[in-house]
Amino acid sequence: MLNIVLFGPPGAGKGTQSELIVKQYGLLHLSTGDLFRKHLGAGTDLGKLAQGYMDQGNLVPDAVVIKMVEDRIATESTAKGFIFDGFPRTVHQALALDQMLLKHDLLITGMLSLEVEASELRIRLRERGKTSGRKDDQDDIKIENRIKVYNEETKPVADYYKHQDKYVSIKGMGSIAAIFQLITHELDAFK
């Protein structure tokens, strides 16, 4: 079973690449953004709580995110594998993910980290904001805060996977197809 953490800053292309990975490898895409929207749409308490943090461009507290992810893993026992997009965002979440997966006799196969220059991230986020309607992608202050939060709070997760020899750096600059080719090369090596 292939269980991948797709990692990178906001605007790195995780969602775009996840769609291609799901199509080619048949993995279940587990996106915290999608989970938040699902809970918001259903009006759950977890969704309302998450929205308050997201509106400010801040990370949703670990306990909320972990509960959403754990619920989803438990309901998908027949999946060929998972691609985690936007999770884990903290070392605490990475530890929790490992514990969750062990309950189901699963492990993380590897972390693919999309490396993109900050100036390119800003351009991508603004462009996405024009087409997606996401307010956090249309506000320069929130964009800067999201990049800052990533650098200070999320980037250390890469070290967690480096210590497990599961970290792979992927050049996230260039065409979508070229980046996907780099990703498939690494995923095929995991098999």
N, C-alpha and C. Protein backbone atom coordinates (compact mmCIF):
# COMPACT_ATOMS: atom_id res chain seq x y z
N MET A 1 0.85 -1.18 0.00
CA MET A 1 0.00 0.00 0.00
C MET A 1 0.89 1.24 0.00
N LEU A 2 0.54 2.20 -0.81
CA LEU A 2 1.30 3.44 -0.96
C LEU A 2 0.61 4.55 -0.18
N ASN A 3 1.27 5.07 0.86
CA ASN A 3 0.73 6.15 1.68
C ASN A 3 1.72 7.31 1.65
N ILE A 4 1.33 8.38 0.99
CA ILE A 4 2.23 9.49 0.70
C ILE A 4 1.77 10.76 1.38
N VAL A 5 2.74 11.51 1.93
CA VAL A 5 2.50 12.86 2.39
C VAL A 5 3.00 13.77 1.28
N LEU A 6 2.10 14.55 0.67
CA LEU A 6 2.51 15.54 -0.32
C LEU A 6 2.62 16.86 0.43
N PHE A 7 3.82 17.42 0.42
CA PHE A 7 4.19 18.50 1.32
C PHE A 7 4.65 19.71 0.52
N GLY A 8 4.48 20.87 1.10
CA GLY A 8 4.98 22.09 0.50
C GLY A 8 4.19 23.28 1.00
N PRO A 9 4.68 24.47 0.72
CA PRO A 9 4.01 25.68 1.18
C PRO A 9 2.71 25.94 0.45
N PRO A 10 1.90 26.86 0.95
CA PRO A 10 0.67 27.23 0.24
C PRO A 10 1.01 27.70 -1.17
N GLY A 11 0.31 27.17 -2.16
CA GLY A 11 0.56 27.55 -3.54
C GLY A 11 1.61 26.71 -4.24
N ALA A 12 2.13 25.68 -3.58
CA ALA A 12 3.17 24.85 -4.19
C ALA A 12 2.63 23.92 -5.27
N GLY A 13 1.32 23.70 -5.28
CA GLY A 13 0.72 22.82 -6.28
C GLY A 13 0.30 21.47 -5.74
N LYS A 14 0.17 21.36 -4.42
CA LYS A 14 -0.19 20.07 -3.82
C LYS A 14 -1.54 19.56 -4.33
N GLY A 15 -2.54 20.43 -4.38
CA GLY A 15 -3.86 20.01 -4.84
C GLY A 15 -3.85 19.57 -6.29
N THR A 16 -3.18 20.33 -7.13
CA THR A 16 -3.07 20.01 -8.56
C THR A 16 -2.37 18.68 -8.76
N GLN A 17 -1.24 18.49 -8.10
CA GLN A 17 -0.49 17.25 -8.25
C GLN A 17 -1.22 16.07 -7.62
N SER A 18 -1.94 16.32 -6.53
CA SER A 18 -2.71 15.24 -5.89
C SER A 18 -3.73 14.66 -6.85
N GLU A 19 -4.41 15.53 -7.61
CA GLU A 19 -5.40 15.06 -8.57
C GLU A 19 -4.76 14.12 -9.59
N LEU A 20 -3.59 14.47 -10.05
CA LEU A 20 -2.90 13.63 -11.04
C LEU A 20 -2.43 12.31 -10.42
N ILE A 21 -1.96 12.37 -9.20
CA ILE A 21 -1.51 11.16 -8.50
C ILE A 21 -2.68 10.21 -8.27
N VAL A 22 -3.80 10.76 -7.84
CA VAL A 22 -5.00 9.95 -7.61
C VAL A 22 -5.42 9.24 -8.90
N LYS A 23 -5.41 9.99 -9.98
CA LYS A 23 -5.83 9.44 -11.27
C LYS A 23 -4.90 8.30 -11.71
N GLN A 24 -3.60 8.47 -11.55
CA GLN A 24 -2.64 7.47 -12.02
C GLN A 24 -2.47 6.29 -11.07
N TYR A 25 -2.53 6.54 -9.76
CA TYR A 25 -2.20 5.49 -8.80
C TYR A 25 -3.41 4.97 -8.01
N GLY A 26 -4.55 5.61 -8.14
CA GLY A 26 -5.76 5.14 -7.47
C GLY A 26 -5.74 5.33 -5.96
N LEU A 27 -4.95 6.28 -5.48
CA LEU A 27 -4.90 6.56 -4.04
C LEU A 27 -6.08 7.42 -3.65
N LEU A 28 -6.45 7.36 -2.39
CA LEU A 28 -7.51 8.21 -1.86
C LEU A 28 -6.89 9.54 -1.43
N HIS A 29 -7.39 10.62 -1.98
CA HIS A 29 -6.89 11.96 -1.66
C HIS A 29 -7.51 12.41 -0.36
N LEU A 30 -6.67 12.64 0.61
CA LEU A 30 -7.14 13.10 1.91
C LEU A 30 -6.58 14.51 2.12
N SER A 31 -7.40 15.49 1.83
CA SER A 31 -7.02 16.89 1.93
C SER A 31 -7.70 17.52 3.12
N THR A 32 -6.91 18.15 3.97
CA THR A 32 -7.53 18.80 5.12
C THR A 32 -8.45 19.92 4.66
N GLY A 33 -8.10 20.60 3.58
CA GLY A 33 -8.98 21.65 3.06
C GLY A 33 -10.34 21.08 2.68
N ASP A 34 -10.34 19.92 2.00
CA ASP A 34 -11.60 19.27 1.64
C ASP A 34 -12.38 18.83 2.88
N LEU A 35 -11.65 18.29 3.86
CA LEU A 35 -12.31 17.88 5.10
C LEU A 35 -12.94 19.08 5.80
N PHE A 36 -12.21 20.20 5.83
CA PHE A 36 -12.76 21.41 6.46
C PHE A 36 -14.03 21.84 5.73
N ARG A 37 -13.97 21.88 4.39
CA ARG A 37 -15.14 22.31 3.62
C ARG A 37 -16.32 21.36 3.83
N LYS A 38 -16.03 20.06 3.91
CA LYS A 38 -17.11 19.07 4.15
C LYS A 38 -17.77 19.34 5.49
N HIS A 39 -16.95 19.53 6.52
CA HIS A 39 -17.50 19.79 7.85
C HIS A 39 -18.22 21.14 7.90
N LEU A 40 -17.69 22.13 7.18
CA LEU A 40 -18.35 23.44 7.12
C LEU A 40 -19.70 23.33 6.44
N GLY A 41 -19.71 22.63 5.28
CA GLY A 41 -20.94 22.47 4.53
C GLY A 41 -22.01 21.74 5.31
N ALA A 42 -21.58 20.80 6.14
CA ALA A 42 -22.52 20.04 6.97
C ALA A 42 -22.87 20.78 8.26
N GLY A 43 -22.16 21.90 8.49
CA GLY A 43 -22.45 22.69 9.69
C GLY A 43 -22.02 22.04 10.99
N THR A 44 -21.00 21.17 10.92
CA THR A 44 -20.55 20.51 12.14
C THR A 44 -19.81 21.50 13.04
N ASP A 45 -19.73 21.17 14.31
CA ASP A 45 -18.98 22.01 15.24
C ASP A 45 -17.51 22.09 14.85
N LEU A 46 -16.94 20.96 14.39
CA LEU A 46 -15.54 20.95 13.96
C LEU A 46 -15.33 21.90 12.79
N GLY A 47 -16.26 21.92 11.85
CA GLY A 47 -16.16 22.80 10.69
C GLY A 47 -16.22 24.26 11.07
N LYS A 48 -17.13 24.61 11.95
CA LYS A 48 -17.26 26.01 12.38
C LYS A 48 -16.00 26.47 13.12
N LEU A 49 -15.47 25.59 13.93
CA LEU A 49 -14.26 25.91 14.68
C LEU A 49 -13.09 26.13 13.72
N ALA A 50 -12.96 25.25 12.74
CA ALA A 50 -11.88 25.35 11.76
C ALA A 50 -11.98 26.64 10.95
N GLN A 51 -13.19 27.04 10.57
CA GLN A 51 -13.38 28.22 9.74
C GLN A 51 -12.84 29.49 10.39
N GLY A 52 -13.02 29.62 11.67
CA GLY A 52 -12.54 30.79 12.38
C GLY A 52 -11.03 30.95 12.25
N TYR A 53 -10.31 29.85 12.34
CA TYR A 53 -8.86 29.90 12.20
C TYR A 53 -8.45 30.15 10.75
N MET A 54 -9.11 29.48 9.81
CA MET A 54 -8.77 29.62 8.39
C MET A 54 -9.01 31.04 7.91
N ASP A 55 -10.07 31.67 8.39
CA ASP A 55 -10.38 33.04 7.97
C ASP A 55 -9.26 34.02 8.33
N GLN A 56 -8.51 33.70 9.36
CA GLN A 56 -7.40 34.55 9.78
C GLN A 56 -6.08 34.15 9.13
N GLY A 57 -6.10 33.08 8.33
CA GLY A 57 -4.87 32.60 7.69
C GLY A 57 -4.01 31.79 8.64
N ASN A 58 -4.57 31.35 9.75
CA ASN A 58 -3.82 30.58 10.75
C ASN A 58 -4.11 29.10 10.63
N LEU A 59 -3.23 28.31 11.23
CA LEU A 59 -3.43 26.87 11.27
C LEU A 59 -4.57 26.51 12.21
N VAL A 60 -5.34 25.52 11.81
CA VAL A 60 -6.39 24.99 12.67
C VAL A 60 -5.70 24.15 13.75
N PRO A 61 -6.15 24.23 15.01
CA PRO A 61 -5.50 23.46 16.08
C PRO A 61 -5.42 21.97 15.76
N ASP A 62 -4.32 21.37 16.20
CA ASP A 62 -4.06 19.96 15.93
C ASP A 62 -5.22 19.04 16.29
N ALA A 63 -5.80 19.24 17.45
CA ALA A 63 -6.85 18.33 17.91
C ALA A 63 -8.02 18.28 16.92
N VAL A 64 -8.36 19.41 16.34
CA VAL A 64 -9.48 19.48 15.39
C VAL A 64 -9.11 18.74 14.10
N VAL A 65 -7.94 19.02 13.58
CA VAL A 65 -7.49 18.41 12.33
C VAL A 65 -7.34 16.90 12.50
N ILE A 66 -6.71 16.50 13.57
CA ILE A 66 -6.46 15.07 13.82
C ILE A 66 -7.78 14.30 13.89
N LYS A 67 -8.77 14.85 14.54
CA LYS A 67 -10.08 14.19 14.64
C LYS A 67 -10.72 14.02 13.27
N MET A 68 -10.64 15.06 12.43
CA MET A 68 -11.21 14.96 11.08
C MET A 68 -10.51 13.89 10.26
N VAL A 69 -9.17 13.86 10.32
CA VAL A 69 -8.39 12.89 9.54
C VAL A 69 -8.65 11.48 10.04
N GLU A 70 -8.66 11.32 11.34
CA GLU A 70 -8.88 9.98 11.91
C GLU A 70 -10.25 9.43 11.51
N ASP A 71 -11.27 10.27 11.53
CA ASP A 71 -12.61 9.84 11.11
C ASP A 71 -12.58 9.34 9.66
N ARG A 72 -11.85 10.05 8.80
CA ARG A 72 -11.80 9.69 7.38
C ARG A 72 -11.03 8.38 7.15
N ILE A 73 -9.91 8.21 7.80
CA ILE A 73 -9.12 6.98 7.64
C ILE A 73 -9.95 5.78 8.08
N ALA A 74 -10.66 5.92 9.18
CA ALA A 74 -11.45 4.81 9.71
C ALA A 74 -12.56 4.38 8.75
N THR A 75 -13.07 5.30 7.93
CA THR A 75 -14.17 4.96 7.02
C THR A 75 -13.69 4.48 5.65
N GLU A 76 -12.38 4.43 5.44
CA GLU A 76 -11.84 4.08 4.12
C GLU A 76 -10.92 2.86 4.18
N SER A 77 -11.36 1.80 4.81
CA SER A 77 -10.51 0.63 5.03
C SER A 77 -10.17 -0.12 3.74
N THR A 78 -10.89 0.12 2.65
CA THR A 78 -10.61 -0.60 1.39
C THR A 78 -9.75 0.22 0.43
N ALA A 79 -9.27 1.38 0.84
CA ALA A 79 -8.46 2.23 -0.03
C ALA A 79 -7.15 1.54 -0.41
N LYS A 80 -6.66 1.81 -1.62
CA LYS A 80 -5.37 1.28 -2.09
C LYS A 80 -4.20 1.97 -1.40
N GLY A 81 -4.49 3.11 -0.86
CA GLY A 81 -3.48 3.92 -0.19
C GLY A 81 -4.00 5.35 -0.09
N PHE A 82 -3.26 6.17 0.61
CA PHE A 82 -3.67 7.55 0.84
C PHE A 82 -2.61 8.52 0.35
N ILE A 83 -3.07 9.66 -0.12
CA ILE A 83 -2.18 10.78 -0.34
C ILE A 83 -2.67 11.89 0.58
N PHE A 84 -1.83 12.25 1.52
CA PHE A 84 -2.15 13.26 2.51
C PHE A 84 -1.69 14.62 1.99
N ASP A 85 -2.63 15.52 1.81
CA ASP A 85 -2.39 16.84 1.23
C ASP A 85 -2.79 17.88 2.26
N GLY A 86 -1.81 18.60 2.79
CA GLY A 86 -2.09 19.60 3.82
C GLY A 86 -2.08 19.03 5.22
N PHE A 87 -1.66 17.80 5.35
CA PHE A 87 -1.58 17.13 6.65
C PHE A 87 -0.47 16.09 6.54
N PRO A 88 0.41 16.00 7.49
CA PRO A 88 0.48 16.77 8.74
C PRO A 88 1.16 18.13 8.54
N ARG A 89 0.73 19.10 9.35
CA ARG A 89 1.29 20.45 9.29
C ARG A 89 2.14 20.79 10.50
N THR A 90 2.16 19.90 11.47
CA THR A 90 3.01 20.08 12.64
C THR A 90 3.63 18.72 12.98
N VAL A 91 4.71 18.74 13.73
CA VAL A 91 5.34 17.48 14.14
C VAL A 91 4.36 16.68 14.99
N HIS A 92 3.58 17.36 15.83
CA HIS A 92 2.57 16.67 16.64
C HIS A 92 1.58 15.93 15.74
N GLN A 93 1.16 16.57 14.64
CA GLN A 93 0.24 15.91 13.70
C GLN A 93 0.92 14.73 13.02
N ALA A 94 2.21 14.85 12.70
CA ALA A 94 2.93 13.74 12.08
C ALA A 94 2.99 12.53 13.01
N LEU A 95 3.25 12.79 14.28
CA LEU A 95 3.25 11.70 15.27
C LEU A 95 1.86 11.08 15.37
N ALA A 96 0.83 11.92 15.40
CA ALA A 96 -0.55 11.43 15.50
C ALA A 96 -0.91 10.61 14.26
N LEU A 97 -0.46 11.06 13.08
CA LEU A 97 -0.73 10.32 11.85
C LEU A 97 -0.10 8.93 11.91
N ASP A 98 1.15 8.87 12.34
CA ASP A 98 1.81 7.56 12.46
C ASP A 98 1.02 6.65 13.40
N GLN A 99 0.55 7.18 14.52
CA GLN A 99 -0.22 6.38 15.48
C GLN A 99 -1.55 5.93 14.88
N MET A 100 -2.23 6.84 14.15
CA MET A 100 -3.50 6.50 13.50
C MET A 100 -3.31 5.37 12.51
N LEU A 101 -2.27 5.51 11.68
CA LEU A 101 -2.03 4.50 10.65
C LEU A 101 -1.68 3.15 11.25
N LEU A 102 -0.89 3.15 12.34
CA LEU A 102 -0.53 1.90 12.99
C LEU A 102 -1.75 1.14 13.48
N LYS A 103 -2.78 1.86 13.90
CA LYS A 103 -4.03 1.21 14.34
C LYS A 103 -4.64 0.39 13.21
N HIS A 104 -4.32 0.77 11.97
CA HIS A 104 -4.86 0.08 10.79
C HIS A 104 -3.77 -0.71 10.05
N ASP A 105 -2.66 -0.98 10.77
CA ASP A 105 -1.51 -1.71 10.20
C ASP A 105 -0.96 -1.05 8.94
N LEU A 106 -0.87 0.28 8.97
CA LEU A 106 -0.37 1.06 7.84
C LEU A 106 0.82 1.92 8.29
N LEU A 107 1.63 2.33 7.30
CA LEU A 107 2.75 3.24 7.54
C LEU A 107 2.81 4.27 6.43
N ILE A 108 3.46 5.40 6.69
CA ILE A 108 3.75 6.36 5.63
C ILE A 108 4.88 5.79 4.79
N THR A 109 4.68 5.76 3.48
CA THR A 109 5.70 5.27 2.56
C THR A 109 6.78 6.33 2.36
N GLY A 110 6.34 7.58 2.16
CA GLY A 110 7.29 8.66 1.96
C GLY A 110 6.63 10.01 1.93
N MET A 111 7.46 11.04 2.09
CA MET A 111 7.01 12.42 1.98
C MET A 111 7.64 13.02 0.73
N LEU A 112 6.80 13.56 -0.15
CA LEU A 112 7.28 14.28 -1.33
C LEU A 112 7.08 15.77 -1.05
N SER A 113 8.18 16.51 -1.00
CA SER A 113 8.14 17.92 -0.66
C SER A 113 8.34 18.78 -1.90
N LEU A 114 7.30 19.52 -2.29
CA LEU A 114 7.38 20.40 -3.45
C LEU A 114 8.09 21.69 -3.05
N GLU A 115 9.22 21.95 -3.69
CA GLU A 115 10.04 23.11 -3.37
C GLU A 115 9.77 24.21 -4.40
N VAL A 116 9.24 25.36 -3.92
CA VAL A 116 8.87 26.46 -4.80
C VAL A 116 9.36 27.76 -4.18
N GLU A 117 9.92 28.64 -5.00
CA GLU A 117 10.40 29.93 -4.51
C GLU A 117 9.23 30.78 -4.01
N ALA A 118 9.50 31.58 -2.97
CA ALA A 118 8.46 32.40 -2.34
C ALA A 118 7.80 33.35 -3.33
N SER A 119 8.57 33.95 -4.22
CA SER A 119 7.98 34.89 -5.18
C SER A 119 6.97 34.18 -6.09
N GLU A 120 7.27 32.95 -6.47
CA GLU A 120 6.36 32.17 -7.30
C GLU A 120 5.11 31.77 -6.51
N LEU A 121 5.27 31.47 -5.23
CA LEU A 121 4.11 31.13 -4.39
C LEU A 121 3.11 32.28 -4.37
N ARG A 122 3.62 33.50 -4.19
CA ARG A 122 2.74 34.68 -4.14
C ARG A 122 1.95 34.83 -5.44
N ILE A 123 2.63 34.65 -6.56
CA ILE A 123 1.98 34.76 -7.87
C ILE A 123 0.90 33.70 -8.00
N ARG A 124 1.24 32.46 -7.67
CA ARG A 124 0.28 31.35 -7.79
C ARG A 124 -0.94 31.56 -6.90
N LEU A 125 -0.71 31.99 -5.66
CA LEU A 125 -1.83 32.19 -4.74
C LEU A 125 -2.76 33.29 -5.22
N ARG A 126 -2.20 34.39 -5.70
CA ARG A 126 -3.05 35.49 -6.21
C ARG A 126 -3.86 35.02 -7.42
N GLU A 127 -3.22 34.27 -8.32
CA GLU A 127 -3.92 33.76 -9.49
C GLU A 127 -5.04 32.80 -9.08
N ARG A 128 -4.73 31.93 -8.14
CA ARG A 128 -5.75 30.99 -7.65
C ARG A 128 -6.90 31.74 -7.01
N GLY A 129 -6.59 32.81 -6.29
CA GLY A 129 -7.63 33.61 -5.67
C GLY A 129 -8.59 34.22 -6.66
N LYS A 130 -8.10 34.56 -7.85
CA LYS A 130 -8.97 35.14 -8.89
C LYS A 130 -9.97 34.12 -9.42
N THR A 131 -9.55 32.85 -9.50
CA THR A 131 -10.42 31.84 -10.10
C THR A 131 -11.20 31.02 -9.08
N SER A 132 -10.68 30.91 -7.86
CA SER A 132 -11.32 30.03 -6.87
C SER A 132 -12.31 30.76 -5.97
N GLY A 133 -12.14 32.07 -5.85
CA GLY A 133 -12.97 32.82 -4.93
C GLY A 133 -12.52 32.71 -3.48
N ARG A 134 -11.41 32.03 -3.24
CA ARG A 134 -10.90 31.89 -1.87
C ARG A 134 -10.40 33.24 -1.38
N LYS A 135 -10.98 33.73 -0.32
CA LYS A 135 -10.61 35.04 0.22
C LYS A 135 -9.17 35.08 0.72
N ASP A 136 -8.70 33.96 1.28
CA ASP A 136 -7.33 33.94 1.82
C ASP A 136 -6.28 34.00 0.72
N ASP A 137 -6.65 33.71 -0.53
CA ASP A 137 -5.73 33.79 -1.65
C ASP A 137 -5.79 35.16 -2.34
N GLN A 138 -6.66 36.04 -1.88
CA GLN A 138 -6.82 37.35 -2.51
C GLN A 138 -6.29 38.48 -1.64
N ASP A 139 -5.84 38.17 -0.47
CA ASP A 139 -5.40 39.18 0.50
C ASP A 139 -3.90 39.02 0.74
N ASP A 140 -3.12 40.03 0.33
CA ASP A 140 -1.66 39.94 0.44
C ASP A 140 -1.20 39.74 1.88
N ILE A 141 -1.88 40.34 2.83
CA ILE A 141 -1.49 40.19 4.24
C ILE A 141 -1.69 38.74 4.68
N LYS A 142 -2.80 38.15 4.27
CA LYS A 142 -3.06 36.75 4.63
C LYS A 142 -2.10 35.81 3.90
N ILE A 143 -1.77 36.13 2.66
CA ILE A 143 -0.80 35.31 1.92
C ILE A 143 0.54 35.32 2.64
N GLU A 144 1.00 36.50 3.03
CA GLU A 144 2.28 36.61 3.73
C GLU A 144 2.23 35.86 5.06
N ASN A 145 1.10 35.95 5.76
CA ASN A 145 0.96 35.24 7.03
C ASN A 145 0.99 33.73 6.81
N ARG A 146 0.33 33.25 5.77
CA ARG A 146 0.32 31.82 5.49
C ARG A 146 1.72 31.30 5.19
N ILE A 147 2.49 32.07 4.41
CA ILE A 147 3.87 31.66 4.10
C ILE A 147 4.72 31.69 5.37
N LYS A 148 4.54 32.71 6.19
CA LYS A 148 5.29 32.82 7.45
C LYS A 148 4.95 31.65 8.38
N VAL A 149 3.66 31.35 8.52
CA VAL A 149 3.24 30.23 9.38
C VAL A 149 3.83 28.92 8.86
N TYR A 150 3.82 28.74 7.53
CA TYR A 150 4.40 27.53 6.95
C TYR A 150 5.88 27.42 7.34
N ASN A 151 6.63 28.50 7.12
CA ASN A 151 8.07 28.47 7.41
C ASN A 151 8.37 28.23 8.88
N GLU A 152 7.56 28.79 9.76
CA GLU A 152 7.84 28.69 11.20
C GLU A 152 7.27 27.42 11.83
N GLU A 153 6.08 27.00 11.40
CA GLU A 153 5.39 25.92 12.09
C GLU A 153 5.30 24.61 11.31
N THR A 154 5.24 24.70 9.99
CA THR A 154 5.03 23.50 9.19
C THR A 154 6.31 22.91 8.65
N LYS A 155 7.22 23.74 8.23
CA LYS A 155 8.47 23.25 7.63
C LYS A 155 9.22 22.24 8.50
N PRO A 156 9.19 22.37 9.84
CA PRO A 156 9.87 21.37 10.68
C PRO A 156 9.36 19.93 10.50
N VAL A 157 8.17 19.75 9.93
CA VAL A 157 7.66 18.40 9.69
C VAL A 157 8.58 17.66 8.72
N ALA A 158 9.20 18.39 7.81
CA ALA A 158 10.12 17.75 6.86
C ALA A 158 11.25 17.04 7.60
N ASP A 159 11.76 17.66 8.67
CA ASP A 159 12.84 17.02 9.44
C ASP A 159 12.38 15.72 10.08
N TYR A 160 11.12 15.69 10.50
CA TYR A 160 10.55 14.47 11.09
C TYR A 160 10.68 13.31 10.10
N TYR A 161 10.33 13.56 8.83
CA TYR A 161 10.39 12.50 7.82
C TYR A 161 11.83 12.27 7.33
N LYS A 162 12.67 13.29 7.37
CA LYS A 162 14.09 13.10 7.03
C LYS A 162 14.72 12.11 7.99
N HIS A 163 14.39 12.23 9.28
CA HIS A 163 14.94 11.31 10.28
C HIS A 163 14.48 9.88 10.08
N GLN A 164 13.37 9.71 9.38
CA GLN A 164 12.87 8.36 9.07
C GLN A 164 13.32 7.90 7.68
N ASP A 165 14.13 8.70 7.02
CA ASP A 165 14.56 8.42 5.63
C ASP A 165 13.38 8.27 4.68
N LYS A 166 12.36 9.10 4.88
CA LYS A 166 11.17 9.06 4.03
C LYS A 166 10.96 10.37 3.26
N TYR A 167 11.89 11.30 3.38
CA TYR A 167 11.76 12.63 2.77
C TYR A 167 12.38 12.64 1.37
N VAL A 168 11.62 13.18 0.40
CA VAL A 168 12.12 13.35 -0.97
C VAL A 168 11.79 14.77 -1.42
N SER A 169 12.79 15.52 -1.84
CA SER A 169 12.60 16.86 -2.35
C SER A 169 12.27 16.81 -3.83
N ILE A 170 11.22 17.54 -4.22
CA ILE A 170 10.78 17.60 -5.62
C ILE A 170 10.82 19.06 -6.05
N LYS A 171 11.47 19.35 -7.17
CA LYS A 171 11.48 20.71 -7.70
C LYS A 171 10.06 21.04 -8.17
N GLY A 172 9.43 21.99 -7.49
CA GLY A 172 8.04 22.35 -7.78
C GLY A 172 7.88 23.53 -8.71
N MET A 173 8.95 23.88 -9.41
CA MET A 173 8.91 24.97 -10.39
C MET A 173 8.90 24.35 -11.78
N GLY A 174 8.14 24.96 -12.69
CA GLY A 174 8.05 24.44 -14.04
C GLY A 174 6.62 24.08 -14.37
N SER A 175 6.45 23.34 -15.45
CA SER A 175 5.10 22.98 -15.88
C SER A 175 4.52 21.90 -14.97
N ILE A 176 3.21 21.85 -14.94
CA ILE A 176 2.51 20.83 -14.14
C ILE A 176 2.96 19.43 -14.58
N ALA A 177 3.06 19.23 -15.89
CA ALA A 177 3.45 17.92 -16.42
C ALA A 177 4.89 17.55 -16.01
N ALA A 178 5.78 18.52 -16.06
CA ALA A 178 7.18 18.25 -15.71
C ALA A 178 7.31 17.90 -14.23
N ILE A 179 6.58 18.61 -13.39
CA ILE A 179 6.60 18.33 -11.95
C ILE A 179 6.00 16.96 -11.68
N PHE A 180 4.91 16.64 -12.37
CA PHE A 180 4.28 15.33 -12.19
C PHE A 180 5.22 14.21 -12.60
N GLN A 181 5.98 14.43 -13.64
CA GLN A 181 6.95 13.41 -14.08
C GLN A 181 7.97 13.14 -12.98
N LEU A 182 8.45 14.19 -12.31
CA LEU A 182 9.38 14.02 -11.20
C LEU A 182 8.72 13.22 -10.06
N ILE A 183 7.46 13.53 -9.80
CA ILE A 183 6.72 12.85 -8.73
C ILE A 183 6.54 11.37 -9.07
N THR A 184 6.12 11.06 -10.29
CA THR A 184 5.89 9.66 -10.65
C THR A 184 7.18 8.86 -10.60
N HIS A 185 8.29 9.48 -10.95
CA HIS A 185 9.59 8.80 -10.85
C HIS A 185 9.83 8.35 -9.40
N GLU A 186 9.54 9.24 -8.45
CA GLU A 186 9.74 8.90 -7.03
C GLU A 186 8.72 7.89 -6.55
N LEU A 187 7.46 8.05 -6.95
CA LEU A 187 6.43 7.11 -6.50
C LEU A 187 6.70 5.70 -7.04
N ASP A 188 7.14 5.61 -8.28
CA ASP A 188 7.46 4.31 -8.84
C ASP A 188 8.63 3.65 -8.12
N ALA A 189 9.56 4.47 -7.62
CA ALA A 189 10.70 3.94 -6.87
C ALA A 189 10.27 3.37 -5.51
N PHE A 190 9.14 3.87 -4.96
CA PHE A 190 8.63 3.37 -3.68
C PHE A 190 8.05 1.97 -3.80
N LYS A 191 7.61 1.61 -4.99
CA LYS A 191 6.91 0.32 -5.16
C LYS A 191 7.84 -0.86 -4.94
